């Protein structure tokens, strides 16, 4: 019987269980947005996951939207990430990197030269970002020129190559939560009249182009993508998401990525948001590993695997406060409570100091 602790073949890898650690922004990168030794310790603590998907990481300087988030576009960043991947691999883990361009979900103070963030259309998102230790409204974006878009698509391929050079086992394109790829896809944020706007097929060109660049760079078995069909996160909205995502998943299937990672409902909140959306219609259009995410507990996860509605379950916040989450799930043991005050920014407190079951028993 398939359960959370059954092995799984994912692309070119054999995973020891079906528990994924979801990408979680923690705002703890060092100077130059370089990953630190503390980050290596954090991920190494959680290497019992079948797969770690490391936090969203900007592919270019313009892709940054929050303070102290890591990049994967400089040699120093690649070297910093190598410490992380070495720590995970030393414990027998597997780790993918989530590739990120935030688009309009940014602030001028984070952009090179204080310029405006870029977006499909010059529509300011009704959301906030994390700057100087606090949350502020995002800045007014400018619409990308048609001629600028191919370079952004190509940057996903270069970032994937950098990730493999840093020792990652693969990459996941961040196509969810109202960031750039998602912004192009949705008619609430994409009002363009050129080849990247209007029809579903046109609006999907940037997301699919980015995935094609990644697949061409590192191979389909080391490529993946995350989507969030109905979430309102970061002012994401579409008037009719079902045909949009039906089309996208059909096209992704042709590229044969290792997995698709789907956030069900409202990211980090109501699983039943957009209750009429048919996730299984998407799953039927895709032949690879299907990872589901959002509010799963042990019973829900086991049920999803046994009924065949998922191949793997991603856990987010439970992994923050429980470095030994796999063991706790296996034993159905109580979980540590999450310390919300230390989620974003800071040091070891609320990051690497959560106790394991063994430590708690001492």
Protein backbone atom coordinates (compact mmCIF):
# COMPACT_ATOMS: atom_id res chain seq x y z
CA UNK A 1 0.00 0.00 0.00
CA UNK A 2 1.32 3.45 -0.95
CA UNK A 3 1.75 5.75 2.02
CA UNK A 4 3.85 8.75 3.02
CA UNK A 5 6.82 6.54 3.86
CA UNK A 6 6.89 4.58 0.59
CA UNK A 7 9.78 5.27 -1.78
CA UNK A 8 9.17 7.19 -5.00
CA UNK A 9 10.98 7.57 -8.31
CA UNK A 10 11.23 11.27 -9.21
CA UNK A 11 12.93 12.07 -12.50
CA UNK A 12 16.38 10.46 -12.22
CA UNK A 13 16.19 10.04 -8.44
CA UNK A 14 14.89 7.46 -5.98
CA UNK A 15 13.35 9.28 -3.01
CA UNK A 16 13.19 7.62 0.39
CA UNK A 17 9.66 8.86 1.18
CA UNK A 18 6.82 10.92 -0.28
CA UNK A 19 7.20 13.88 2.07
CA UNK A 20 8.41 17.10 0.45
CA UNK A 21 9.55 20.19 2.29
CA UNK A 22 7.86 23.10 0.55
CA UNK A 23 9.86 26.22 -0.35
CA UNK A 24 9.69 28.68 2.55
CA UNK A 25 10.96 32.26 2.43
CA UNK A 26 12.89 33.03 5.62
CA UNK A 27 14.85 36.21 4.70
CA UNK A 28 18.17 35.10 6.15
CA UNK A 29 20.60 35.44 3.25
CA UNK A 30 23.84 37.32 3.90
CA UNK A 31 25.50 40.28 2.15
CA UNK A 32 25.06 40.11 -1.61
CA UNK A 33 22.06 37.82 -1.06
CA UNK A 34 24.50 34.94 -0.54
CA UNK A 35 23.32 31.83 1.34
CA UNK A 36 24.99 31.40 4.73
CA UNK A 37 26.36 28.63 6.95
CA UNK A 38 23.23 29.04 9.08
CA UNK A 39 21.09 28.25 6.05
CA UNK A 40 23.18 25.15 5.41
CA UNK A 41 22.51 24.03 8.98
CA UNK A 42 18.76 24.69 8.59
CA UNK A 43 18.40 22.61 5.46
CA UNK A 44 20.71 19.89 6.71
CA UNK A 45 18.50 19.47 9.78
CA UNK A 46 15.55 18.68 7.48
CA UNK A 47 17.30 16.27 5.09
CA UNK A 48 15.06 13.34 6.07
CA UNK A 49 12.41 14.76 3.75
CA UNK A 50 12.09 12.73 0.57
CA UNK A 51 12.66 16.02 -1.26
CA UNK A 52 13.56 19.50 -0.04
CA UNK A 53 12.47 22.35 -2.29
CA UNK A 54 14.70 25.21 -1.18
CA UNK A 55 13.30 28.69 -0.73
CA UNK A 56 12.40 30.94 -3.66
CA UNK A 57 15.60 32.37 -5.11
CA UNK A 58 15.85 35.26 -7.54
CA UNK A 59 17.23 34.49 -11.00
CA UNK A 60 18.37 38.08 -11.68
CA UNK A 61 18.83 41.16 -9.46
CA UNK A 62 15.58 42.63 -10.81
CA UNK A 63 13.75 39.51 -9.68
CA UNK A 64 14.11 40.34 -5.97
CA UNK A 65 11.01 41.34 -4.05
CA UNK A 66 11.88 40.98 -0.36
CA UNK A 67 14.93 41.84 1.72
CA UNK A 68 17.61 39.24 2.40
CA UNK A 69 16.33 36.63 -0.03
CA UNK A 70 19.02 34.57 -1.79
CA UNK A 71 19.97 34.75 -5.44
CA UNK A 72 21.41 32.27 -7.94
CA UNK A 73 22.90 34.73 -10.44
CA UNK A 74 26.38 35.46 -9.02
CA UNK A 75 29.41 33.21 -8.42
CA UNK A 76 29.27 34.05 -4.72
CA UNK A 77 25.65 32.92 -4.50
CA UNK A 78 26.45 29.67 -6.30
CA UNK A 79 29.28 29.04 -3.83
CA UNK A 80 27.01 29.81 -0.88
CA UNK A 81 24.36 27.42 -2.11
CA UNK A 82 27.00 24.71 -2.53
CA UNK A 83 27.39 24.66 1.27
CA UNK A 84 23.64 24.03 1.56
CA UNK A 85 23.50 21.23 -0.99
CA UNK A 86 26.60 19.60 0.53
CA UNK A 87 24.92 19.63 3.96
CA UNK A 88 21.77 17.99 2.59
CA UNK A 89 23.61 15.41 0.51
CA UNK A 90 25.87 14.48 3.44
CA UNK A 91 22.71 13.26 5.18
CA UNK A 92 21.39 11.40 2.16
CA UNK A 93 18.82 14.01 1.16
CA UNK A 94 17.68 15.40 -2.19
CA UNK A 95 17.18 19.10 -2.83
CA UNK A 96 15.73 21.18 -5.67
CA UNK A 97 15.94 24.99 -5.88
CA UNK A 98 12.90 27.16 -6.56
CA UNK A 99 13.65 29.74 -9.27
CA UNK A 100 11.96 33.10 -8.74
CA UNK A 101 11.22 36.38 -10.43
CA UNK A 102 8.74 38.39 -8.36
CA UNK A 103 7.72 40.81 -11.11
CA UNK A 104 5.52 43.52 -9.64
CA UNK A 105 5.67 42.18 -6.06
CA UNK A 106 8.67 44.33 -5.17
CA UNK A 107 9.78 47.71 -3.91
CA UNK A 108 11.95 50.35 -5.57
CA UNK A 109 14.47 50.10 -2.72
CA UNK A 110 15.20 46.49 -3.68
CA UNK A 111 15.61 47.16 -7.39
CA UNK A 112 18.93 48.01 -9.07
CA UNK A 113 19.27 51.79 -9.17
CA UNK A 114 15.95 52.21 -7.35
CA UNK A 115 14.05 51.59 -10.59
CA UNK A 116 10.44 50.48 -10.83
CA UNK A 117 9.71 46.73 -10.64
CA UNK A 118 8.72 45.10 -13.92
CA UNK A 119 5.39 43.45 -14.72
CA UNK A 120 3.26 42.30 -17.65
CA UNK A 121 1.21 45.48 -17.29
CA UNK A 122 1.62 48.67 -15.25
CA UNK A 123 -0.89 47.57 -12.61
CA UNK A 124 0.12 47.94 -8.97
CA UNK A 125 -0.60 44.85 -6.89
CA UNK A 126 -2.70 45.23 -3.77
CA UNK A 127 -0.15 43.50 -1.54
CA UNK A 128 2.86 44.15 0.67
CA UNK A 129 6.50 43.17 0.72
CA UNK A 130 9.17 42.86 3.44
CA UNK A 131 11.68 45.72 3.50
CA UNK A 132 13.89 47.06 6.34
CA UNK A 133 12.44 44.57 8.80
CA UNK A 134 8.79 45.39 8.17
CA UNK A 135 5.97 45.08 5.64
CA UNK A 136 5.29 47.93 3.20
CA UNK A 137 3.11 48.40 0.12
CA UNK A 138 4.72 47.25 -3.12
CA UNK A 139 5.82 49.88 -5.63
CA UNK A 140 4.16 50.88 -8.90
CA UNK A 141 5.56 48.64 -11.66
CA UNK A 142 6.31 49.40 -15.29
CA UNK A 143 5.16 47.17 -18.13
CA UNK A 144 7.89 45.15 -19.80
CA UNK A 145 8.62 46.00 -23.43
CA UNK A 146 8.00 43.11 -25.79
CA UNK A 147 11.70 43.04 -26.68
CA UNK A 148 12.72 42.57 -23.02
CA UNK A 149 10.79 39.36 -22.44
CA UNK A 150 13.02 36.83 -24.25
CA UNK A 151 15.94 37.80 -21.98
CA UNK A 152 13.87 37.08 -18.88
CA UNK A 153 12.85 33.70 -20.28
CA UNK A 154 16.49 32.92 -21.04
CA UNK A 155 17.49 33.91 -17.48
CA UNK A 156 15.50 30.94 -16.15
CA UNK A 157 17.73 28.59 -18.14
CA UNK A 158 20.92 30.25 -16.88
CA UNK A 159 19.64 30.12 -13.31
CA UNK A 160 18.90 26.41 -13.70
CA UNK A 161 22.47 25.83 -14.90
CA UNK A 162 23.79 27.80 -11.93
CA UNK A 163 21.65 25.72 -9.57
CA UNK A 164 23.08 22.47 -10.92
CA UNK A 165 26.59 23.98 -10.61
CA UNK A 166 25.72 24.70 -6.96
CA UNK A 167 24.95 21.03 -6.40
CA UNK A 168 21.16 21.04 -6.55
CA UNK A 169 19.48 17.89 -7.80
CA UNK A 170 17.05 19.92 -9.87
CA UNK A 171 14.99 23.11 -10.01
CA UNK A 172 11.38 24.17 -9.61
CA UNK A 173 10.13 27.24 -11.50
CA UNK A 174 7.98 29.43 -9.25
CA UNK A 175 4.85 29.77 -11.35
CA UNK A 176 2.56 30.41 -8.38
CA UNK A 177 1.40 32.98 -5.84
CA UNK A 178 1.09 36.03 -8.06
CA UNK A 179 4.76 36.31 -9.06
CA UNK A 180 5.99 37.08 -12.58
CA UNK A 181 5.14 33.84 -14.42
CA UNK A 182 1.74 33.78 -12.73
CA UNK A 183 1.22 37.49 -13.47
CA UNK A 184 1.59 36.87 -17.20
CA UNK A 185 -0.79 33.93 -17.04
CA UNK A 186 -3.73 35.69 -15.36
CA UNK A 187 -6.05 38.20 -16.97
CA UNK A 188 -6.24 40.18 -13.72
CA UNK A 189 -2.60 41.24 -14.07
CA UNK A 190 -1.94 40.84 -17.80
CA UNK A 191 -3.70 43.45 -19.94
CA UNK A 192 -1.20 43.30 -22.82
CA UNK A 193 -2.17 43.54 -26.47
CA UNK A 194 1.02 42.03 -27.94
CA UNK A 195 1.98 38.39 -28.45
CA UNK A 196 2.14 37.85 -24.65
CA UNK A 197 -1.40 39.03 -23.90
CA UNK A 198 -5.02 38.38 -24.75
CA UNK A 199 -5.65 34.68 -25.36
CA UNK A 200 -4.80 31.94 -22.88
CA UNK A 201 -2.18 30.66 -25.31
CA UNK A 202 -0.49 34.06 -25.47
CA UNK A 203 -0.62 34.67 -21.73
CA UNK A 204 0.97 31.27 -21.12
CA UNK A 205 3.96 31.93 -23.38
CA UNK A 206 6.23 33.31 -20.66
CA UNK A 207 5.58 30.49 -18.20
CA UNK A 208 5.94 27.81 -20.85
CA UNK A 209 8.95 29.56 -22.37
CA UNK A 210 10.68 29.67 -19.00
CA UNK A 211 10.02 25.97 -18.50
CA UNK A 212 11.32 25.18 -21.96
CA UNK A 213 14.50 27.14 -21.19
CA UNK A 214 14.95 25.19 -17.96
CA UNK A 215 14.34 21.81 -19.63
CA UNK A 216 16.78 22.68 -22.42
CA UNK A 217 19.39 23.73 -19.84
CA UNK A 218 19.29 20.86 -17.36
CA UNK A 219 16.98 18.18 -18.77
CA UNK A 220 13.34 17.39 -18.06
CA UNK A 221 14.16 14.95 -15.25
CA UNK A 222 15.73 17.79 -13.22
CA UNK A 223 12.99 20.32 -14.03
CA UNK A 224 9.70 21.07 -12.25
CA UNK A 225 7.18 23.86 -11.68
CA UNK A 226 4.85 25.10 -8.95
CA UNK A 227 1.38 26.47 -9.75
CA UNK A 228 -1.48 27.84 -7.65
CA UNK A 229 -4.61 27.91 -9.82
CA UNK A 230 -7.03 29.80 -7.56
CA UNK A 231 -4.97 31.50 -4.86
CA UNK A 232 -5.53 35.25 -4.35
CA UNK A 233 -1.97 35.62 -2.99
CA UNK A 234 -0.26 38.87 -4.01
CA UNK A 235 -3.42 40.06 -5.79
CA UNK A 236 -3.45 37.12 -8.21
CA UNK A 237 -6.75 36.86 -10.07
CA UNK A 238 -8.19 35.32 -13.20
CA UNK A 239 -11.75 35.52 -14.44
CA UNK A 240 -11.84 31.82 -15.44
CA UNK A 241 -8.86 29.81 -14.16
CA UNK A 242 -9.99 26.30 -15.14
CA UNK A 243 -9.35 26.53 -18.89
CA UNK A 244 -6.16 28.51 -18.23
CA UNK A 245 -4.62 25.79 -16.09
CA UNK A 246 -6.06 22.94 -18.13
CA UNK A 247 -4.15 24.34 -21.10
CA UNK A 248 -0.96 25.05 -19.14
CA UNK A 249 -0.78 21.55 -17.67
CA UNK A 250 -1.41 19.95 -21.08
CA UNK A 251 1.48 21.97 -22.50
CA UNK A 252 3.73 21.28 -19.52
CA UNK A 253 3.10 17.57 -19.98
CA UNK A 254 4.69 17.81 -23.44
CA UNK A 255 7.89 19.07 -21.76
CA UNK A 256 7.80 16.08 -19.34
CA UNK A 257 9.08 17.78 -16.16
CA UNK A 258 9.82 15.56 -13.16
CA UNK A 259 6.89 16.95 -11.20
CA UNK A 260 4.19 19.58 -10.96
CA UNK A 261 3.68 21.07 -7.49
CA UNK A 262 0.13 22.35 -6.95
CA UNK A 263 -1.10 24.66 -4.19
CA UNK A 264 -4.74 23.85 -3.54
CA UNK A 265 -6.98 26.76 -2.49
CA UNK A 266 -5.61 29.96 -0.98
CA UNK A 267 -1.87 29.75 -0.28
CA UNK A 268 -1.25 29.20 3.42
CA UNK A 269 -4.92 29.72 4.21
CA UNK A 270 -8.32 28.35 3.15
CA UNK A 271 -7.96 25.07 1.26
CA UNK A 272 -11.54 25.42 0.05
CA UNK A 273 -11.05 28.82 -1.58
CA UNK A 274 -12.24 28.52 -5.18
CA UNK A 275 -13.99 25.28 -4.26
CA UNK A 276 -15.35 24.70 -7.76
CA UNK A 277 -11.91 24.25 -9.28
CA UNK A 278 -11.21 20.71 -10.54
CA UNK A 279 -7.63 19.78 -9.62
CA UNK A 280 -8.10 16.21 -10.78
CA UNK A 281 -8.85 17.52 -14.27
CA UNK A 282 -5.32 18.89 -14.23
CA UNK A 283 -3.83 15.71 -12.84
CA UNK A 284 -5.38 13.70 -15.68
CA UNK A 285 -3.53 15.91 -18.16
CA UNK A 286 -0.10 15.20 -16.68
CA UNK A 287 1.92 11.97 -16.66
CA UNK A 288 4.59 12.79 -14.07
CA UNK A 289 4.76 13.06 -10.29
CA UNK A 290 1.94 15.18 -8.83
CA UNK A 291 2.82 17.01 -5.59
CA UNK A 292 0.00 18.63 -3.60
CA UNK A 293 0.29 21.30 -0.96
CA UNK A 294 -1.71 23.42 1.49
CA UNK A 295 -2.83 22.49 4.97
CA UNK A 296 -2.27 18.74 4.78
CA UNK A 297 -2.03 16.80 8.02
CA UNK A 298 -1.04 13.16 8.37
CA UNK A 299 -4.52 11.73 7.81
CA UNK A 300 -5.26 13.94 4.80
CA UNK A 301 -1.88 13.15 3.27
CA UNK A 302 -2.28 9.41 3.64
CA UNK A 303 -5.79 9.56 2.18
CA UNK A 304 -4.62 11.57 -0.85
CA UNK A 305 -1.89 9.02 -1.59
CA UNK A 306 -4.11 6.01 -1.12
CA UNK A 307 -6.90 7.34 -3.32
CA UNK A 308 -4.38 8.31 -6.00
CA UNK A 309 -5.06 12.05 -6.05
CA UNK A 310 -1.37 12.75 -5.34
CA UNK A 311 2.03 11.06 -5.55
CA UNK A 312 3.73 13.21 -2.92
CA UNK A 313 2.67 15.71 -0.25
CA UNK A 314 4.48 19.00 0.42
CA UNK A 315 4.47 20.35 3.97
CA UNK A 316 5.39 23.97 4.60
CA UNK A 317 5.11 25.55 8.03
CA UNK A 318 5.24 22.24 9.93
CA UNK A 319 8.79 21.86 8.60
CA UNK A 320 9.78 25.25 10.01
CA UNK A 321 9.12 24.27 13.60
CA UNK A 322 9.84 20.54 13.29
CA UNK A 323 13.23 19.71 11.78
CA UNK A 324 12.39 16.04 12.38
CA UNK A 325 8.91 16.27 10.81
CA UNK A 326 9.35 12.95 8.97
CA UNK A 327 9.98 11.11 12.24
CA UNK A 328 7.09 12.90 13.95
CA UNK A 329 4.70 11.96 11.15
CA UNK A 330 5.94 8.37 11.20
CA UNK A 331 5.24 8.16 14.94
CA UNK A 332 2.15 10.37 14.80
CA UNK A 333 3.89 12.46 17.47
CA UNK A 334 2.89 15.99 18.54
CA UNK A 335 4.35 18.89 16.56
CA UNK A 336 6.22 21.90 17.92
CA UNK A 337 4.23 25.13 17.75
CA UNK A 338 5.32 27.70 15.16
CA UNK A 339 6.92 30.93 16.38
CA UNK A 340 5.44 33.50 14.00
CA UNK A 341 7.56 36.39 15.27
CA UNK A 342 10.73 34.74 13.91
CA UNK A 343 9.44 33.69 10.49
CA UNK A 344 11.11 36.47 8.51
CA UNK A 345 14.63 37.71 9.11
CA UNK A 346 16.87 37.32 12.14
CA UNK A 347 19.28 34.57 13.07
CA UNK A 348 19.19 31.13 14.65
CA UNK A 349 16.23 31.83 16.94
CA UNK A 350 13.10 30.36 15.40
CA UNK A 351 15.23 28.96 12.58
CA UNK A 352 17.69 26.28 13.66
CA UNK A 353 16.83 26.01 17.36
CA UNK A 354 13.51 24.11 17.23
CA UNK A 355 13.96 20.87 19.22
CA UNK A 356 13.70 17.38 17.80
CA UNK A 357 11.80 14.67 19.67
CA UNK A 358 15.08 13.39 21.11
CA UNK A 359 16.15 16.85 22.27
CA UNK A 360 12.74 17.52 23.82
CA UNK A 361 13.02 14.27 25.81
CA UNK A 362 16.40 15.17 27.30
